[in-house]
């Protein structure tokens, strides 16, 4: 069960914009604000994989989600037989 935080009446606040979020997410947001966002350092292999992937996308060498779903449906139907 998700608990929500209580907020004051919006009419009593001047120009502030309010968003209602679950308490757990609010606490996570406060942790990020307090601790900051850690930088992720990529390995050389990860950098090469990203570069390779970007080149494949530029060439048009990828599947759309619809194409992937059709491919997977065909593969599943062969397995069931």
PDB file of N, CA and C in Angstrom:
ATOM      1  N   UNK A   1       0.837  -1.179   0.000  1.00  0.00           N
ATOM      2  CA  UNK A   1       0.000   0.000   0.000  1.00  0.00           C
ATOM      3  C   UNK A   1       0.884   1.244   0.000  1.00  0.00           C
ATOM      4  N   UNK A   2       0.573   2.189  -0.845  1.00  0.00           N
ATOM      5  CA  UNK A   2       1.348   3.411  -0.963  1.00  0.00           C
ATOM      6  C   UNK A   2       0.704   4.500  -0.120  1.00  0.00           C
ATOM      7  N   UNK A   3       1.510   5.169   0.699  1.00  0.00           N
ATOM      8  CA  UNK A   3       1.009   6.284   1.503  1.00  0.00           C
ATOM      9  C   UNK A   3       1.408   7.582   0.829  1.00  0.00           C
ATOM     10  N   UNK A   4       0.498   8.524   0.806  1.00  0.00           N
ATOM     11  CA  UNK A   4       0.779   9.821   0.211  1.00  0.00           C
ATOM     12  C   UNK A   4       1.089  10.838   1.292  1.00  0.00           C
ATOM     13  N   UNK A   5       1.862  11.843   0.923  1.00  0.00           N
ATOM     14  CA  UNK A   5       2.154  12.913   1.867  1.00  0.00           C
ATOM     15  C   UNK A   5       1.007  13.910   1.837  1.00  0.00           C
ATOM     16  N   UNK A   6       0.811  14.612   2.929  1.00  0.00           N
ATOM     17  CA  UNK A   6      -0.235  15.622   3.014  1.00  0.00           C
ATOM     18  C   UNK A   6       0.364  16.961   2.622  1.00  0.00           C
ATOM     19  N   UNK A   7      -0.372  17.697   1.825  1.00  0.00           N
ATOM     20  CA  UNK A   7       0.115  19.007   1.387  1.00  0.00           C
ATOM     21  C   UNK A   7      -0.867  20.076   1.841  1.00  0.00           C
ATOM     22  N   UNK A   8      -0.410  21.301   2.008  1.00  0.00           N
ATOM     23  CA  UNK A   8      -1.317  22.374   2.418  1.00  0.00           C
ATOM     24  C   UNK A   8      -2.269  22.762   1.290  1.00  0.00           C
ATOM     25  N   UNK A   9      -3.262  23.527   1.638  1.00  0.00           N
ATOM     26  CA  UNK A   9      -4.239  24.013   0.666  1.00  0.00           C
ATOM     27  C   UNK A   9      -3.530  24.862  -0.383  1.00  0.00           C
ATOM     28  N   UNK A  10      -3.680  24.524  -1.665  1.00  0.00           N
ATOM     29  CA  UNK A  10      -2.994  25.285  -2.716  1.00  0.00           C
ATOM     30  C   UNK A  10      -3.377  26.759  -2.762  1.00  0.00           C
ATOM     31  N   UNK A  11      -4.575  27.076  -2.290  1.00  0.00           N
ATOM     32  CA  UNK A  11      -5.010  28.474  -2.329  1.00  0.00           C
ATOM     33  C   UNK A  11      -4.211  29.342  -1.364  1.00  0.00           C
ATOM     34  N   UNK A  12      -3.642  28.716  -0.335  1.00  0.00           N
ATOM     35  CA  UNK A  12      -2.857  29.494   0.632  1.00  0.00           C
ATOM     36  C   UNK A  12      -1.429  29.715   0.153  1.00  0.00           C
ATOM     37  N   UNK A  13      -1.022  28.998  -0.860  1.00  0.00           N
ATOM     38  CA  UNK A  13       0.322  29.172  -1.408  1.00  0.00           C
ATOM     39  C   UNK A  13       0.244  30.075  -2.621  1.00  0.00           C
ATOM     40  N   UNK A  14       1.180  30.946  -2.740  1.00  0.00           N
ATOM     41  CA  UNK A  14       1.142  31.939  -3.809  1.00  0.00           C
ATOM     42  C   UNK A  14       1.367  31.325  -5.193  1.00  0.00           C
ATOM     43  N   UNK A  15       2.571  31.369  -5.703  1.00  0.00           N
ATOM     44  CA  UNK A  15       2.835  30.949  -7.077  1.00  0.00           C
ATOM     45  C   UNK A  15       3.449  29.558  -7.150  1.00  0.00           C
ATOM     46  N   UNK A  16       3.423  28.842  -6.054  1.00  0.00           N
ATOM     47  CA  UNK A  16       4.051  27.526  -6.043  1.00  0.00           C
ATOM     48  C   UNK A  16       3.190  26.521  -6.783  1.00  0.00           C
ATOM     49  N   UNK A  17       3.864  25.602  -7.471  1.00  0.00           N
ATOM     50  CA  UNK A  17       3.155  24.519  -8.142  1.00  0.00           C
ATOM     51  C   UNK A  17       3.360  23.265  -7.313  1.00  0.00           C
ATOM     52  N   UNK A  18       2.285  22.557  -7.061  1.00  0.00           N
ATOM     53  CA  UNK A  18       2.356  21.389  -6.208  1.00  0.00           C
ATOM     54  C   UNK A  18       2.180  20.116  -7.013  1.00  0.00           C
ATOM     55  N   UNK A  19       2.876  19.090  -6.556  1.00  0.00           N
ATOM     56  CA  UNK A  19       2.750  17.765  -7.161  1.00  0.00           C
ATOM     57  C   UNK A  19       2.565  16.781  -6.025  1.00  0.00           C
ATOM     58  N   UNK A  20       1.601  15.902  -6.172  1.00  0.00           N
ATOM     59  CA  UNK A  20       1.350  14.890  -5.156  1.00  0.00           C
ATOM     60  C   UNK A  20       2.045  13.603  -5.569  1.00  0.00           C
ATOM     61  N   UNK A  21       2.990  13.150  -4.745  1.00  0.00           N
ATOM     62  CA  UNK A  21       3.714  11.916  -5.045  1.00  0.00           C
ATOM     63  C   UNK A  21       3.688  11.018  -3.814  1.00  0.00           C
ATOM     64  N   UNK A  22       3.839   9.728  -4.011  1.00  0.00           N
ATOM     65  CA  UNK A  22       3.882   8.829  -2.857  1.00  0.00           C
ATOM     66  C   UNK A  22       5.046   9.152  -1.931  1.00  0.00           C
ATOM     67  N   UNK A  23       4.863   8.881  -0.656  1.00  0.00           N
ATOM     68  CA  UNK A  23       5.863   9.191   0.364  1.00  0.00           C
ATOM     69  C   UNK A  23       7.208   8.524   0.067  1.00  0.00           C
ATOM     70  N   UNK A  24       7.162   7.274  -0.391  1.00  0.00           N
ATOM     71  CA  UNK A  24       8.400   6.538  -0.678  1.00  0.00           C
ATOM     72  C   UNK A  24       9.202   7.253  -1.770  1.00  0.00           C
ATOM     73  N   UNK A  25       8.516   7.695  -2.815  1.00  0.00           N
ATOM     74  CA  UNK A  25       9.207   8.405  -3.902  1.00  0.00           C
ATOM     75  C   UNK A  25       9.744   9.754  -3.427  1.00  0.00           C
ATOM     76  N   UNK A  26       8.996  10.426  -2.554  1.00  0.00           N
ATOM     77  CA  UNK A  26       9.447  11.707  -2.027  1.00  0.00           C
ATOM     78  C   UNK A  26      10.728  11.527  -1.223  1.00  0.00           C
ATOM     79  N   UNK A  27      10.759  10.480  -0.394  1.00  0.00           N
ATOM     80  CA  UNK A  27      11.965  10.221   0.387  1.00  0.00           C
ATOM     81  C   UNK A  27      13.154   9.891  -0.511  1.00  0.00           C
ATOM     82  N   UNK A  28      12.899   9.133  -1.578  1.00  0.00           N
ATOM     83  CA  UNK A  28      13.971   8.817  -2.526  1.00  0.00           C
ATOM     84  C   UNK A  28      14.484  10.096  -3.184  1.00  0.00           C
ATOM     85  N   UNK A  29      13.569  10.996  -3.517  1.00  0.00           N
ATOM     86  CA  UNK A  29      13.951  12.281  -4.114  1.00  0.00           C
ATOM     87  C   UNK A  29      14.813  13.088  -3.149  1.00  0.00           C
ATOM     88  N   UNK A  30      14.447  13.082  -1.879  1.00  0.00           N
ATOM     89  CA  UNK A  30      15.250  13.801  -0.879  1.00  0.00           C
ATOM     90  C   UNK A  30      16.637  13.198  -0.747  1.00  0.00           C
ATOM     91  N   UNK A  31      16.724  11.856  -0.826  1.00  0.00           N
ATOM     92  CA  UNK A  31      18.041  11.199  -0.759  1.00  0.00           C
ATOM     93  C   UNK A  31      18.917  11.625  -1.937  1.00  0.00           C
ATOM     94  N   UNK A  32      18.326  11.683  -3.126  1.00  0.00           N
ATOM     95  CA  UNK A  32      19.090  12.106  -4.306  1.00  0.00           C
ATOM     96  C   UNK A  32      19.540  13.550  -4.137  1.00  0.00           C
ATOM     97  N   UNK A  33      18.648  14.386  -3.614  1.00  0.00           N
ATOM     98  CA  UNK A  33      18.997  15.789  -3.411  1.00  0.00           C
ATOM     99  C   UNK A  33      20.135  15.914  -2.390  1.00  0.00           C
ATOM    100  N   UNK A  34      20.074  15.099  -1.326  1.00  0.00           N
ATOM    101  CA  UNK A  34      21.085  15.150  -0.278  1.00  0.00           C
ATOM    102  C   UNK A  34      22.421  14.567  -0.741  1.00  0.00           C
ATOM    103  N   UNK A  35      22.355  13.390  -1.377  1.00  0.00           N
ATOM    104  CA  UNK A  35      23.582  12.673  -1.745  1.00  0.00           C
ATOM    105  C   UNK A  35      24.113  13.048  -3.119  1.00  0.00           C
ATOM    106  N   UNK A  36      23.287  13.649  -3.929  1.00  0.00           N
ATOM    107  CA  UNK A  36      23.689  13.973  -5.286  1.00  0.00           C
ATOM    108  C   UNK A  36      23.567  12.767  -6.192  1.00  0.00           C
ATOM    109  N   UNK A  37      23.799  12.969  -7.442  1.00  0.00           N
ATOM    110  CA  UNK A  37      23.739  11.884  -8.411  1.00  0.00           C
ATOM    111  C   UNK A  37      25.164  11.447  -8.702  1.00  0.00           C
ATOM    112  N   UNK A  38      25.400  10.154  -8.503  1.00  0.00           N
ATOM    113  CA  UNK A  38      26.747   9.646  -8.722  1.00  0.00           C
ATOM    114  C   UNK A  38      27.035   9.531 -10.211  1.00  0.00           C
ATOM    115  N   UNK A  39      28.245   9.860 -10.581  1.00  0.00           N
ATOM    116  CA  UNK A  39      28.676   9.750 -11.966  1.00  0.00           C
ATOM    117  C   UNK A  39      29.058   8.303 -12.248  1.00  0.00           C
ATOM    118  N   UNK A  40      28.590   7.802 -13.377  1.00  0.00           N
ATOM    119  CA  UNK A  40      28.926   6.442 -13.781  1.00  0.00           C
ATOM    120  C   UNK A  40      30.078   6.517 -14.767  1.00  0.00           C
ATOM    121  N   UNK A  41      31.169   5.843 -14.451  1.00  0.00           N
ATOM    122  CA  UNK A  41      32.329   5.830 -15.326  1.00  0.00           C
ATOM    123  C   UNK A  41      32.260   4.573 -16.183  1.00  0.00           C
ATOM    124  N   UNK A  42      32.226   4.766 -17.498  1.00  0.00           N
ATOM    125  CA  UNK A  42      32.132   3.641 -18.418  1.00  0.00           C
ATOM    126  C   UNK A  42      33.493   3.008 -18.659  1.00  0.00           C
ATOM    127  N   UNK A  43      33.483   1.709 -18.853  1.00  0.00           N
ATOM    128  CA  UNK A  43      34.715   1.018 -19.234  1.00  0.00           C
ATOM    129  C   UNK A  43      34.944   1.239 -20.728  1.00  0.00           C
ATOM    130  N   UNK A  44      36.137   0.924 -21.207  1.00  0.00           N
ATOM    131  CA  UNK A  44      36.422   1.067 -22.635  1.00  0.00           C
ATOM    132  C   UNK A  44      35.507   0.172 -23.459  1.00  0.00           C
ATOM    133  N   UNK A  45      35.224  -1.036 -22.971  1.00  0.00           N
ATOM    134  CA  UNK A  45      34.345  -1.958 -23.690  1.00  0.00           C
ATOM    135  C   UNK A  45      32.938  -1.380 -23.811  1.00  0.00           C
ATOM    136  N   UNK A  46      32.444  -0.740 -22.755  1.00  0.00           N
ATOM    137  CA  UNK A  46      31.114  -0.128 -22.798  1.00  0.00           C
ATOM    138  C   UNK A  46      31.079   1.052 -23.769  1.00  0.00           C
ATOM    139  N   UNK A  47      32.157   1.854 -23.777  1.00  0.00           N
ATOM    140  CA  UNK A  47      32.228   2.981 -24.711  1.00  0.00           C
ATOM    141  C   UNK A  47      32.218   2.490 -26.155  1.00  0.00           C
ATOM    142  N   UNK A  48      32.968   1.418 -26.433  1.00  0.00           N
ATOM    143  CA  UNK A  48      33.001   0.851 -27.784  1.00  0.00           C
ATOM    144  C   UNK A  48      31.644   0.300 -28.178  1.00  0.00           C
ATOM    145  N   UNK A  49      30.960  -0.358 -27.236  1.00  0.00           N
ATOM    146  CA  UNK A  49      29.640  -0.919 -27.521  1.00  0.00           C
ATOM    147  C   UNK A  49      28.639   0.188 -27.849  1.00  0.00           C
ATOM    148  N   UNK A  50      28.706   1.306 -27.139  1.00  0.00           N
ATOM    149  CA  UNK A  50      27.817   2.436 -27.406  1.00  0.00           C
ATOM    150  C   UNK A  50      28.112   3.020 -28.779  1.00  0.00           C
ATOM    151  N   UNK A  51      29.386   3.190 -29.105  1.00  0.00           N
ATOM    152  CA  UNK A  51      29.776   3.715 -30.416  1.00  0.00           C
ATOM    153  C   UNK A  51      29.281   2.797 -31.526  1.00  0.00           C
ATOM    154  N   UNK A  52      29.475   1.477 -31.343  1.00  0.00           N
ATOM    155  CA  UNK A  52      29.020   0.495 -32.328  1.00  0.00           C
ATOM    156  C   UNK A  52      27.500   0.568 -32.507  1.00  0.00           C
ATOM    157  N   UNK A  53      26.784   0.695 -31.406  1.00  0.00           N
ATOM    158  CA  UNK A  53      25.325   0.766 -31.449  1.00  0.00           C
ATOM    159  C   UNK A  53      24.850   2.021 -32.178  1.00  0.00           C
ATOM    160  N   UNK A  54      25.493   3.132 -31.917  1.00  0.00           N
ATOM    161  CA  UNK A  54      25.102   4.385 -32.596  1.00  0.00           C
ATOM    162  C   UNK A  54      25.312   4.276 -34.103  1.00  0.00           C
ATOM    163  N   UNK A  55      26.422   3.640 -34.515  1.00  0.00           N
ATOM    164  CA  UNK A  55      26.684   3.456 -35.944  1.00  0.00           C
ATOM    165  C   UNK A  55      25.631   2.549 -36.576  1.00  0.00           C
ATOM    166  N   UNK A  56      25.226   1.494 -35.853  1.00  0.00           N
ATOM    167  CA  UNK A  56      24.185   0.597 -36.369  1.00  0.00           C
ATOM    168  C   UNK A  56      22.868   1.345 -36.551  1.00  0.00           C
ATOM    169  N   UNK A  57      22.538   2.198 -35.613  1.00  0.00           N
ATOM    170  CA  UNK A  57      21.305   2.983 -35.715  1.00  0.00           C
ATOM    171  C   UNK A  57      21.379   3.924 -36.911  1.00  0.00           C
ATOM    172  N   UNK A  58      22.528   4.571 -37.128  1.00  0.00           N
ATOM    173  CA  UNK A  58      22.699   5.468 -38.278  1.00  0.00           C
ATOM    174  C   UNK A  58      22.520   4.719 -39.595  1.00  0.00           C
ATOM    175  N   UNK A  59      22.994   3.469 -39.643  1.00  0.00           N
ATOM    176  CA  UNK A  59      22.856   2.653 -40.861  1.00  0.00           C
ATOM    177  C   UNK A  59      21.442   2.111 -41.022  1.00  0.00           C
ATOM    178  N   UNK A  60      20.642   2.207 -39.983  1.00  0.00           N
ATOM    179  CA  UNK A  60      19.302   1.647 -40.029  1.00  0.00           C
ATOM    180  C   UNK A  60      19.292   0.164 -39.717  1.00  0.00           C
ATOM    181  N   UNK A  61      20.343  -0.311 -39.091  1.00  0.00           N
ATOM    182  CA  UNK A  61      20.483  -1.728 -38.779  1.00  0.00           C
ATOM    183  C   UNK A  61      19.920  -2.006 -37.383  1.00  0.00           C
ATOM    184  N   UNK A  62      18.591  -1.979 -37.285  1.00  0.00           N
ATOM    185  CA  UNK A  62      17.926  -2.238 -36.015  1.00  0.00           C
ATOM    186  C   UNK A  62      16.505  -2.716 -36.290  1.00  0.00           C
ATOM    187  N   UNK A  63      15.855  -3.230 -35.266  1.00  0.00           N
ATOM    188  CA  UNK A  63      14.469  -3.668 -35.367  1.00  0.00           C
ATOM    189  C   UNK A  63      13.590  -2.699 -34.592  1.00  0.00           C
ATOM    190  N   UNK A  64      12.411  -2.430 -35.130  1.00  0.00           N
ATOM    191  CA  UNK A  64      11.448  -1.662 -34.361  1.00  0.00           C
ATOM    192  C   UNK A  64      10.818  -2.600 -33.341  1.00  0.00           C
ATOM    193  N   UNK A  65      10.102  -2.048 -32.398  1.00  0.00           N
ATOM    194  CA  UNK A  65       9.449  -2.877 -31.386  1.00  0.00           C
ATOM    195  C   UNK A  65       8.441  -3.816 -32.034  1.00  0.00           C
ATOM    196  N   UNK A  66       7.676  -3.323 -33.023  1.00  0.00           N
ATOM    197  CA  UNK A  66       6.705  -4.169 -33.725  1.00  0.00           C
ATOM    198  C   UNK A  66       7.399  -5.327 -34.439  1.00  0.00           C
ATOM    199  N   UNK A  67       8.523  -5.031 -35.100  1.00  0.00           N
ATOM    200  CA  UNK A  67       9.260  -6.085 -35.802  1.00  0.00           C
ATOM    201  C   UNK A  67       9.785  -7.134 -34.821  1.00  0.00           C
ATOM    202  N   UNK A  68      10.274  -6.680 -33.690  1.00  0.00           N
ATOM    203  CA  UNK A  68      10.787  -7.601 -32.686  1.00  0.00           C
ATOM    204  C   UNK A  68       9.674  -8.493 -32.142  1.00  0.00           C
ATOM    205  N   UNK A  69       8.511  -7.897 -31.864  1.00  0.00           N
ATOM    206  CA  UNK A  69       7.384  -8.679 -31.352  1.00  0.00           C
ATOM    207  C   UNK A  69       6.950  -9.726 -32.364  1.00  0.00           C
ATOM    208  N   UNK A  70       6.893  -9.365 -33.649  1.00  0.00           N
ATOM    209  CA  UNK A  70       6.521 -10.338 -34.684  1.00  0.00           C
ATOM    210  C   UNK A  70       7.545 -11.470 -34.759  1.00  0.00           C
ATOM    211  N   UNK A  71       8.821 -11.129 -34.676  1.00  0.00           N
ATOM    212  CA  UNK A  71       9.883 -12.125 -34.720  1.00  0.00           C
ATOM    213  C   UNK A  71       9.760 -13.083 -33.529  1.00  0.00           C
ATOM    214  N   UNK A  72       9.523 -12.522 -32.361  1.00  0.00           N
ATOM    215  CA  UNK A  72       9.401 -13.355 -31.172  1.00  0.00           C
ATOM    216  C   UNK A  72       8.156 -14.232 -31.231  1.00  0.00           C
ATOM    217  N   UNK A  73       7.053 -13.710 -31.769  1.00  0.00           N
ATOM    218  CA  UNK A  73       5.835 -14.513 -31.912  1.00  0.00           C
ATOM    219  C   UNK A  73       6.079 -15.702 -32.830  1.00  0.00           C
ATOM    220  N   UNK A  74       6.803 -15.470 -33.931  1.00  0.00           N
ATOM    221  CA  UNK A  74       7.111 -16.568 -34.853  1.00  0.00           C
ATOM    222  C   UNK A  74       7.991 -17.611 -34.179  1.00  0.00           C
ATOM    223  N   UNK A  75       8.971 -17.143 -33.388  1.00  0.00           N
ATOM    224  CA  UNK A  75       9.869 -18.063 -32.701  1.00  0.00           C
ATOM    225  C   UNK A  75       9.113 -18.897 -31.676  1.00  0.00           C
ATOM    226  N   UNK A  76       8.187 -18.279 -30.977  1.00  0.00           N
ATOM    227  CA  UNK A  76       7.419 -18.996 -29.953  1.00  0.00           C
ATOM    228  C   UNK A  76       6.497 -20.041 -30.584  1.00  0.00           C
ATOM    229  N   UNK A  77       5.904 -19.688 -31.724  1.00  0.00           N
ATOM    230  CA  UNK A  77       4.988 -20.622 -32.342  1.00  0.00           C
ATOM    231  C   UNK A  77       5.747 -21.864 -32.854  1.00  0.00           C
ATOM    232  N   UNK A  78       6.988 -21.727 -33.270  1.00  0.00           N
ATOM    233  CA  UNK A  78       7.793 -22.865 -33.718  1.00  0.00           C
ATOM    234  C   UNK A  78       8.134 -23.772 -32.532  1.00  0.00           C
ATOM    235  N   UNK A  79       8.359 -23.186 -31.383  1.00  0.00           N
ATOM    236  CA  UNK A  79       8.726 -23.961 -30.204  1.00  0.00           C
ATOM    237  C   UNK A  79       7.533 -24.790 -29.720  1.00  0.00           C
ATOM    238  N   UNK A  80       6.323 -24.242 -29.806  1.00  0.00           N
ATOM    239  CA  UNK A  80       5.127 -24.909 -29.299  1.00  0.00           C
ATOM    240  C   UNK A  80       4.766 -26.152 -30.091  1.00  0.00           C
ATOM    241  N   UNK A  81       5.153 -26.218 -31.349  1.00  0.00           N
ATOM    242  CA  UNK A  81       4.741 -27.340 -32.209  1.00  0.00           C
ATOM    243  C   UNK A  81       5.338 -28.629 -31.826  1.00  0.00           C
TER     244      UNK A  81
END
